[in-house]
Amino acid sequence: MYRIKKIEKNGGIFIVRVSGEGDDAGFDEKCLVAKEFFLPLGLTEGELTDEDGARSLLSAADLTAAVSKALDVLSYSNVSRRALVEKLRFRHKIGKDTAEAAADYAVGRGYLDEESQAKKIAQSAVRSKMWGRRRIASDLYAKGYSKETAQNAAAQIPEEDYREALGRLISKKVKAAPKDGAEYNRIISSLIRLGHSPSDVREALRENFGEEE
């Protein structure tokens, strides 16, 4: 059995000391548990609890630490839920179930809004990288956003923004009219790889350099 030796409160955190008795003597832990995870446990100072109760307390402490780390990650970077779970698991050595629960908490409380994040990333990619719709959607998917979220974010960018980005890209990459059809096709291929549609690329090149030779 385990006894809840002491409970202290510091802001929104409960500091709980639990010690083993009888066959569990020698066990002694101090757990820091967020209020919202501690109160549902129904534990009171001085009471005895069984192994399940002690395990629930330790799990709540692990979740508290994981949520704190998750919010720290989100404070300095936009990451998808999937990427957040991976960071918690592999960078911060948090167990899979606890990392998943911490990510769910962040989503449920609005700390992680994938739709909003993906839209901001898409807007930045058009402005700074001059990418087209397909490259943006592909990049978002690679970052851990769902296919639907990635495609929606890319689709929300106005067509004129993509055209303007393509124009800037051509001005940056193509300094003179292509010498022949082979060079023309190489340029087209490089712009398509950046996510712009073949038809948009050909139209933009015609506007800048005339018809393909």
C-alpha atoms as a PDB file:
ATOM      1  CA  MET A   1       0.000   0.000   0.000  1.00  0.00           C
ATOM      2  CA  TYR A   2       0.994   3.604  -0.400  1.00  0.00           C
ATOM      3  CA  ARG A   3       0.352   6.574   1.842  1.00  0.00           C
ATOM      4  CA  ILE A   4      -0.138  10.147   0.705  1.00  0.00           C
ATOM      5  CA  LYS A   5       2.258  11.676   3.205  1.00  0.00           C
ATOM      6  CA  LYS A   6       1.936  15.325   2.302  1.00  0.00           C
ATOM      7  CA  ILE A   7       0.110  17.582  -0.149  1.00  0.00           C
ATOM      8  CA  GLU A   8       1.186  21.164  -0.788  1.00  0.00           C
ATOM      9  CA  LYS A   9      -0.135  23.607  -3.336  1.00  0.00           C
ATOM     10  CA  ASN A  10       1.968  26.079  -5.273  1.00  0.00           C
ATOM     11  CA  GLY A  11      -0.169  28.059  -7.701  1.00  0.00           C
ATOM     12  CA  GLY A  12      -1.766  25.574 -10.056  1.00  0.00           C
ATOM     13  CA  ILE A  13       0.584  22.756  -9.062  1.00  0.00           C
ATOM     14  CA  PHE A  14       0.088  20.217  -6.278  1.00  0.00           C
ATOM     15  CA  ILE A  15       3.267  18.865  -4.701  1.00  0.00           C
ATOM     16  CA  VAL A  16       2.460  15.394  -3.434  1.00  0.00           C
ATOM     17  CA  ARG A  17       4.742  13.092  -1.473  1.00  0.00           C
ATOM     18  CA  VAL A  18       3.760   9.421  -1.564  1.00  0.00           C
ATOM     19  CA  SER A  19       5.524   6.640   0.350  1.00  0.00           C
ATOM     20  CA  GLY A  20       5.175   2.872   0.306  1.00  0.00           C
ATOM     21  CA  GLU A  21       4.225   0.843   3.356  1.00  0.00           C
ATOM     22  CA  GLY A  22       4.377  -2.837   4.156  1.00  0.00           C
ATOM     23  CA  ASP A  23       5.504  -4.807   1.126  1.00  0.00           C
ATOM     24  CA  ASP A  24       6.007  -1.507  -0.715  1.00  0.00           C
ATOM     25  CA  ALA A  25       8.239   0.043   1.957  1.00  0.00           C
ATOM     26  CA  GLY A  26      11.179   1.916   0.512  1.00  0.00           C
ATOM     27  CA  PHE A  27       9.144   3.596  -2.184  1.00  0.00           C
ATOM     28  CA  ASP A  28       9.192   7.373  -1.780  1.00  0.00           C
ATOM     29  CA  GLU A  29       8.329   9.893  -4.476  1.00  0.00           C
ATOM     30  CA  LYS A  30       7.553  13.595  -4.692  1.00  0.00           C
ATOM     31  CA  CYS A  31       5.139  14.288  -7.531  1.00  0.00           C
ATOM     32  CA  LEU A  32       4.340  17.625  -9.156  1.00  0.00           C
ATOM     33  CA  VAL A  33       0.839  17.442 -10.581  1.00  0.00           C
ATOM     34  CA  ALA A  34      -1.227  20.140 -12.270  1.00  0.00           C
ATOM     35  CA  LYS A  35      -4.473  20.945 -10.482  1.00  0.00           C
ATOM     36  CA  GLU A  36      -6.662  19.727 -13.331  1.00  0.00           C
ATOM     37  CA  PHE A  37      -4.922  16.345 -13.299  1.00  0.00           C
ATOM     38  CA  PHE A  38      -4.693  16.017  -9.512  1.00  0.00           C
ATOM     39  CA  LEU A  39      -8.201  16.862  -8.348  1.00  0.00           C
ATOM     40  CA  PRO A  40      -9.912  14.059 -10.330  1.00  0.00           C
ATOM     41  CA  LEU A  41      -7.730  11.549  -8.448  1.00  0.00           C
ATOM     42  CA  GLY A  42      -9.598  12.374  -5.233  1.00  0.00           C
ATOM     43  CA  LEU A  43      -6.521  11.900  -3.032  1.00  0.00           C
ATOM     44  CA  THR A  44      -6.238  13.448   0.430  1.00  0.00           C
ATOM     45  CA  GLU A  45      -3.295  13.900   2.737  1.00  0.00           C
ATOM     46  CA  GLY A  46      -2.704  10.968   5.092  1.00  0.00           C
ATOM     47  CA  GLU A  47      -4.853   8.440   3.231  1.00  0.00           C
ATOM     48  CA  LEU A  48      -3.761   5.041   2.017  1.00  0.00           C
ATOM     49  CA  THR A  49      -4.069   4.132  -1.639  1.00  0.00           C
ATOM     50  CA  ASP A  50      -3.423   0.933  -3.553  1.00  0.00           C
ATOM     51  CA  GLU A  51      -1.036   0.316  -6.431  1.00  0.00           C
ATOM     52  CA  ASP A  52      -3.532   1.597  -8.997  1.00  0.00           C
ATOM     53  CA  GLY A  53      -3.932   4.845  -7.062  1.00  0.00           C
ATOM     54  CA  ALA A  54      -0.179   5.333  -6.807  1.00  0.00           C
ATOM     55  CA  ARG A  55       0.238   4.538 -10.487  1.00  0.00           C
ATOM     56  CA  SER A  56      -2.463   7.083 -11.397  1.00  0.00           C
ATOM     57  CA  LEU A  57      -0.660   9.725  -9.334  1.00  0.00           C
ATOM     58  CA  LEU A  58       2.654   9.036 -11.042  1.00  0.00           C
ATOM     59  CA  SER A  59       0.993   9.076 -14.464  1.00  0.00           C
ATOM     60  CA  ALA A  60      -0.594  12.448 -13.663  1.00  0.00           C
ATOM     61  CA  ALA A  61       2.845  13.775 -12.698  1.00  0.00           C
ATOM     62  CA  ASP A  62       4.316  12.480 -15.967  1.00  0.00           C
ATOM     63  CA  LEU A  63       1.493  14.107 -17.923  1.00  0.00           C
ATOM     64  CA  THR A  64       2.023  17.405 -16.080  1.00  0.00           C
ATOM     65  CA  ALA A  65       5.699  17.393 -17.063  1.00  0.00           C
ATOM     66  CA  ALA A  66       4.867  16.419 -20.648  1.00  0.00           C
ATOM     67  CA  VAL A  67       2.275  19.185 -21.019  1.00  0.00           C
ATOM     68  CA  SER A  68       4.766  21.716 -19.682  1.00  0.00           C
ATOM     69  CA  LYS A  69       7.335  20.583 -22.243  1.00  0.00           C
ATOM     70  CA  ALA A  70       4.726  20.574 -25.030  1.00  0.00           C
ATOM     71  CA  LEU A  71       3.718  24.162 -24.282  1.00  0.00           C
ATOM     72  CA  ASP A  72       7.391  25.126 -24.208  1.00  0.00           C
ATOM     73  CA  VAL A  73       7.871  23.624 -27.681  1.00  0.00           C
ATOM     74  CA  LEU A  74       4.798  25.435 -28.987  1.00  0.00           C
ATOM     75  CA  SER A  75       5.995  28.737 -27.550  1.00  0.00           C
ATOM     76  CA  TYR A  76       8.908  28.926 -29.986  1.00  0.00           C
ATOM     77  CA  SER A  77       7.751  26.993 -33.047  1.00  0.00           C
ATOM     78  CA  ASN A  78       4.703  26.085 -35.112  1.00  0.00           C
ATOM     79  CA  VAL A  79       4.504  22.317 -35.215  1.00  0.00           C
ATOM     80  CA  SER A  80       1.779  19.878 -36.171  1.00  0.00           C
ATOM     81  CA  ARG A  81       0.347  17.517 -33.587  1.00  0.00           C
ATOM     82  CA  ARG A  82       2.298  14.645 -35.126  1.00  0.00           C
ATOM     83  CA  ALA A  83       5.552  16.610 -35.038  1.00  0.00           C
ATOM     84  CA  LEU A  84       4.893  17.654 -31.428  1.00  0.00           C
ATOM     85  CA  VAL A  85       4.440  14.037 -30.379  1.00  0.00           C
ATOM     86  CA  GLU A  86       7.693  13.113 -32.137  1.00  0.00           C
ATOM     87  CA  LYS A  87       9.587  15.934 -30.411  1.00  0.00           C
ATOM     88  CA  LEU A  88       8.254  14.896 -27.019  1.00  0.00           C
ATOM     89  CA  ARG A  89       9.093  11.235 -27.609  1.00  0.00           C
ATOM     90  CA  PHE A  90      12.484  11.396 -29.241  1.00  0.00           C
ATOM     91  CA  ARG A  91      13.967  14.713 -28.126  1.00  0.00           C
ATOM     92  CA  HIS A  92      12.565  14.801 -24.609  1.00  0.00           C
ATOM     93  CA  LYS A  93      12.328  11.029 -24.000  1.00  0.00           C
ATOM     94  CA  ILE A  94       8.645  11.023 -23.052  1.00  0.00           C
ATOM     95  CA  GLY A  95       6.655   7.810 -23.432  1.00  0.00           C
ATOM     96  CA  LYS A  96       4.351   7.451 -26.433  1.00  0.00           C
ATOM     97  CA  ASP A  97       1.044   7.373 -24.523  1.00  0.00           C
ATOM     98  CA  THR A  98       2.019  10.339 -22.361  1.00  0.00           C
ATOM     99  CA  ALA A  99       3.244  12.310 -25.388  1.00  0.00           C
ATOM    100  CA  GLU A 100      -0.021  11.600 -27.207  1.00  0.00           C
ATOM    101  CA  ALA A 101      -2.033  12.726 -24.166  1.00  0.00           C
ATOM    102  CA  ALA A 102      -0.002  15.925 -23.860  1.00  0.00           C
ATOM    103  CA  ALA A 103      -0.540  16.699 -27.549  1.00  0.00           C
ATOM    104  CA  ASP A 104      -4.276  16.062 -27.186  1.00  0.00           C
ATOM    105  CA  TYR A 105      -4.321  18.468 -24.241  1.00  0.00           C
ATOM    106  CA  ALA A 106      -2.567  21.157 -26.310  1.00  0.00           C
ATOM    107  CA  VAL A 107      -5.070  20.705 -29.147  1.00  0.00           C
ATOM    108  CA  GLY A 108      -8.083  20.616 -26.826  1.00  0.00           C
ATOM    109  CA  ARG A 109      -7.062  23.804 -25.057  1.00  0.00           C
ATOM    110  CA  GLY A 110      -6.356  25.650 -28.284  1.00  0.00           C
ATOM    111  CA  TYR A 111      -2.607  25.894 -27.813  1.00  0.00           C
ATOM    112  CA  LEU A 112      -2.118  23.922 -31.017  1.00  0.00           C
ATOM    113  CA  ASP A 113      -4.368  24.955 -33.919  1.00  0.00           C
ATOM    114  CA  GLU A 114      -3.247  23.058 -36.997  1.00  0.00           C
ATOM    115  CA  GLU A 115      -5.523  24.899 -39.416  1.00  0.00           C
ATOM    116  CA  SER A 116      -4.228  28.306 -38.327  1.00  0.00           C
ATOM    117  CA  GLN A 117      -0.619  27.147 -38.271  1.00  0.00           C
ATOM    118  CA  ALA A 118      -0.785  25.580 -41.718  1.00  0.00           C
ATOM    119  CA  LYS A 119      -2.303  28.740 -43.173  1.00  0.00           C
ATOM    120  CA  LYS A 120       0.497  30.899 -41.736  1.00  0.00           C
ATOM    121  CA  ILE A 121       3.162  28.512 -43.023  1.00  0.00           C
ATOM    122  CA  ALA A 122       1.563  28.528 -46.485  1.00  0.00           C
ATOM    123  CA  GLN A 123       1.428  32.326 -46.580  1.00  0.00           C
ATOM    124  CA  SER A 124       5.065  32.557 -45.553  1.00  0.00           C
ATOM    125  CA  ALA A 125       6.110  30.015 -48.193  1.00  0.00           C
ATOM    126  CA  VAL A 126       4.476  32.043 -50.955  1.00  0.00           C
ATOM    127  CA  ARG A 127       6.078  35.293 -49.806  1.00  0.00           C
ATOM    128  CA  SER A 128       9.580  34.163 -48.915  1.00  0.00           C
ATOM    129  CA  LYS A 129      10.153  30.982 -50.923  1.00  0.00           C
ATOM    130  CA  MET A 130       7.889  31.810 -53.868  1.00  0.00           C
ATOM    131  CA  TRP A 131       6.504  28.276 -53.889  1.00  0.00           C
ATOM    132  CA  GLY A 132       3.433  27.141 -55.775  1.00  0.00           C
ATOM    133  CA  ARG A 133       0.385  25.352 -54.418  1.00  0.00           C
ATOM    134  CA  ARG A 134       1.593  21.776 -54.852  1.00  0.00           C
ATOM    135  CA  ARG A 135       4.985  22.361 -53.214  1.00  0.00           C
ATOM    136  CA  ILE A 136       3.340  24.087 -50.244  1.00  0.00           C
ATOM    137  CA  ALA A 137       0.836  21.286 -49.735  1.00  0.00           C
ATOM    138  CA  SER A 138       3.594  18.688 -50.011  1.00  0.00           C
ATOM    139  CA  ASP A 139       5.789  20.529 -47.496  1.00  0.00           C
ATOM    140  CA  LEU A 140       2.950  20.851 -44.986  1.00  0.00           C
ATOM    141  CA  TYR A 141       2.176  17.146 -45.288  1.00  0.00           C
ATOM    142  CA  ALA A 142       5.853  16.353 -44.683  1.00  0.00           C
ATOM    143  CA  LYS A 143       5.711  18.510 -41.548  1.00  0.00           C
ATOM    144  CA  GLY A 144       2.990  16.280 -40.134  1.00  0.00           C
ATOM    145  CA  TYR A 145      -0.212  18.053 -41.113  1.00  0.00           C
ATOM    146  CA  SER A 146      -2.972  15.909 -42.565  1.00  0.00           C
ATOM    147  CA  LYS A 147      -3.375  15.798 -46.341  1.00  0.00           C
ATOM    148  CA  GLU A 148      -6.681  17.648 -46.044  1.00  0.00           C
ATOM    149  CA  THR A 149      -5.251  20.381 -43.804  1.00  0.00           C
ATOM    150  CA  ALA A 150      -2.241  20.808 -46.104  1.00  0.00           C
ATOM    151  CA  GLN A 151      -4.346  21.062 -49.257  1.00  0.00           C
ATOM    152  CA  ASN A 152      -6.843  23.444 -47.648  1.00  0.00           C
ATOM    153  CA  ALA A 153      -4.077  25.761 -46.454  1.00  0.00           C
ATOM    154  CA  ALA A 154      -2.513  25.875 -49.924  1.00  0.00           C
ATOM    155  CA  ALA A 155      -5.911  26.403 -51.552  1.00  0.00           C
ATOM    156  CA  GLN A 156      -6.663  29.424 -49.349  1.00  0.00           C
ATOM    157  CA  ILE A 157      -3.811  31.405 -50.887  1.00  0.00           C
ATOM    158  CA  PRO A 158      -5.266  33.703 -53.602  1.00  0.00           C
ATOM    159  CA  GLU A 159      -4.326  32.861 -57.180  1.00  0.00           C
ATOM    160  CA  GLU A 160      -2.875  36.340 -57.669  1.00  0.00           C
ATOM    161  CA  ASP A 161      -0.416  35.667 -54.851  1.00  0.00           C
ATOM    162  CA  TYR A 162       0.800  32.545 -56.625  1.00  0.00           C
ATOM    163  CA  ARG A 163       1.117  34.417 -59.911  1.00  0.00           C
ATOM    164  CA  GLU A 164       3.024  37.235 -58.243  1.00  0.00           C
ATOM    165  CA  ALA A 165       5.340  34.703 -56.560  1.00  0.00           C
ATOM    166  CA  LEU A 166       5.936  32.961 -59.893  1.00  0.00           C
ATOM    167  CA  GLY A 167       6.770  36.277 -61.521  1.00  0.00           C
ATOM    168  CA  ARG A 168       9.322  37.085 -58.822  1.00  0.00           C
ATOM    169  CA  LEU A 169      10.761  33.596 -59.121  1.00  0.00           C
ATOM    170  CA  ILE A 170      11.267  33.963 -62.867  1.00  0.00           C
ATOM    171  CA  SER A 171      12.892  37.365 -62.409  1.00  0.00           C
ATOM    172  CA  LYS A 172      15.261  35.839 -59.863  1.00  0.00           C
ATOM    173  CA  LYS A 173      16.131  32.616 -61.694  1.00  0.00           C
ATOM    174  CA  VAL A 174      15.924  33.548 -65.379  1.00  0.00           C
ATOM    175  CA  LYS A 175      18.109  36.486 -66.319  1.00  0.00           C
ATOM    176  CA  ALA A 176      17.735  36.200 -70.089  1.00  0.00           C
ATOM    177  CA  ALA A 177      15.486  34.540 -72.661  1.00  0.00           C
ATOM    178  CA  PRO A 178      16.174  30.798 -73.042  1.00  0.00           C
ATOM    179  CA  LYS A 179      18.568  30.061 -75.908  1.00  0.00           C
ATOM    180  CA  ASP A 180      16.708  27.010 -77.191  1.00  0.00           C
ATOM    181  CA  GLY A 181      13.904  24.573 -76.481  1.00  0.00           C
ATOM    182  CA  ALA A 182      16.080  22.401 -74.235  1.00  0.00           C
ATOM    183  CA  GLU A 183      16.928  25.328 -71.948  1.00  0.00           C
ATOM    184  CA  TYR A 184      13.300  26.429 -72.040  1.00  0.00           C
ATOM    185  CA  ASN A 185      12.224  22.980 -70.835  1.00  0.00           C
ATOM    186  CA  ARG A 186      14.860  22.934 -68.079  1.00  0.00           C
ATOM    187  CA  ILE A 187      13.514  26.225 -66.771  1.00  0.00           C
ATOM    188  CA  ILE A 188       9.949  24.946 -66.916  1.00  0.00           C
ATOM    189  CA  SER A 189      10.922  21.791 -65.014  1.00  0.00           C
ATOM    190  CA  SER A 190      12.710  23.762 -62.281  1.00  0.00           C
ATOM    191  CA  LEU A 191       9.670  25.994 -61.732  1.00  0.00           C
ATOM    192  CA  ILE A 192       7.287  23.041 -61.698  1.00  0.00           C
ATOM    193  CA  ARG A 193       9.435  21.421 -58.987  1.00  0.00           C
ATOM    194  CA  LEU A 194       8.741  24.480 -56.852  1.00  0.00           C
ATOM    195  CA  GLY A 195       5.051  23.725 -57.039  1.00  0.00           C
ATOM    196  CA  HIS A 196       3.777  25.910 -59.865  1.00  0.00           C
ATOM    197  CA  SER A 197       1.485  24.354 -62.454  1.00  0.00           C
ATOM    198  CA  PRO A 198       2.878  23.711 -65.957  1.00  0.00           C
ATOM    199  CA  SER A 199       0.234  25.920 -67.559  1.00  0.00           C
ATOM    200  CA  ASP A 200       0.972  28.848 -65.216  1.00  0.00           C
ATOM    201  CA  VAL A 201       4.701  28.450 -65.792  1.00  0.00           C
ATOM    202  CA  ARG A 202       4.385  28.440 -69.590  1.00  0.00           C
ATOM    203  CA  GLU A 203       2.069  31.443 -69.544  1.00  0.00           C
ATOM    204  CA  ALA A 204       4.415  33.411 -67.282  1.00  0.00           C
ATOM    205  CA  LEU A 205       7.415  32.576 -69.456  1.00  0.00           C
ATOM    206  CA  ARG A 206       5.538  33.654 -72.596  1.00  0.00           C
ATOM    207  CA  GLU A 207       4.702  36.961 -70.932  1.00  0.00           C
ATOM    208  CA  ASN A 208       8.376  37.497 -70.071  1.00  0.00           C
ATOM    209  CA  PHE A 209      10.195  36.020 -73.086  1.00  0.00           C
ATOM    210  CA  GLY A 210       7.662  35.390 -75.818  1.00  0.00           C
ATOM    211  CA  GLU A 211       6.773  32.061 -77.402  1.00  0.00           C
ATOM    212  CA  GLU A 212       8.988  29.022 -76.905  1.00  0.00           C
ATOM    213  CA  GLU A 213      11.335  28.464 -79.793  1.00  0.00           C
END
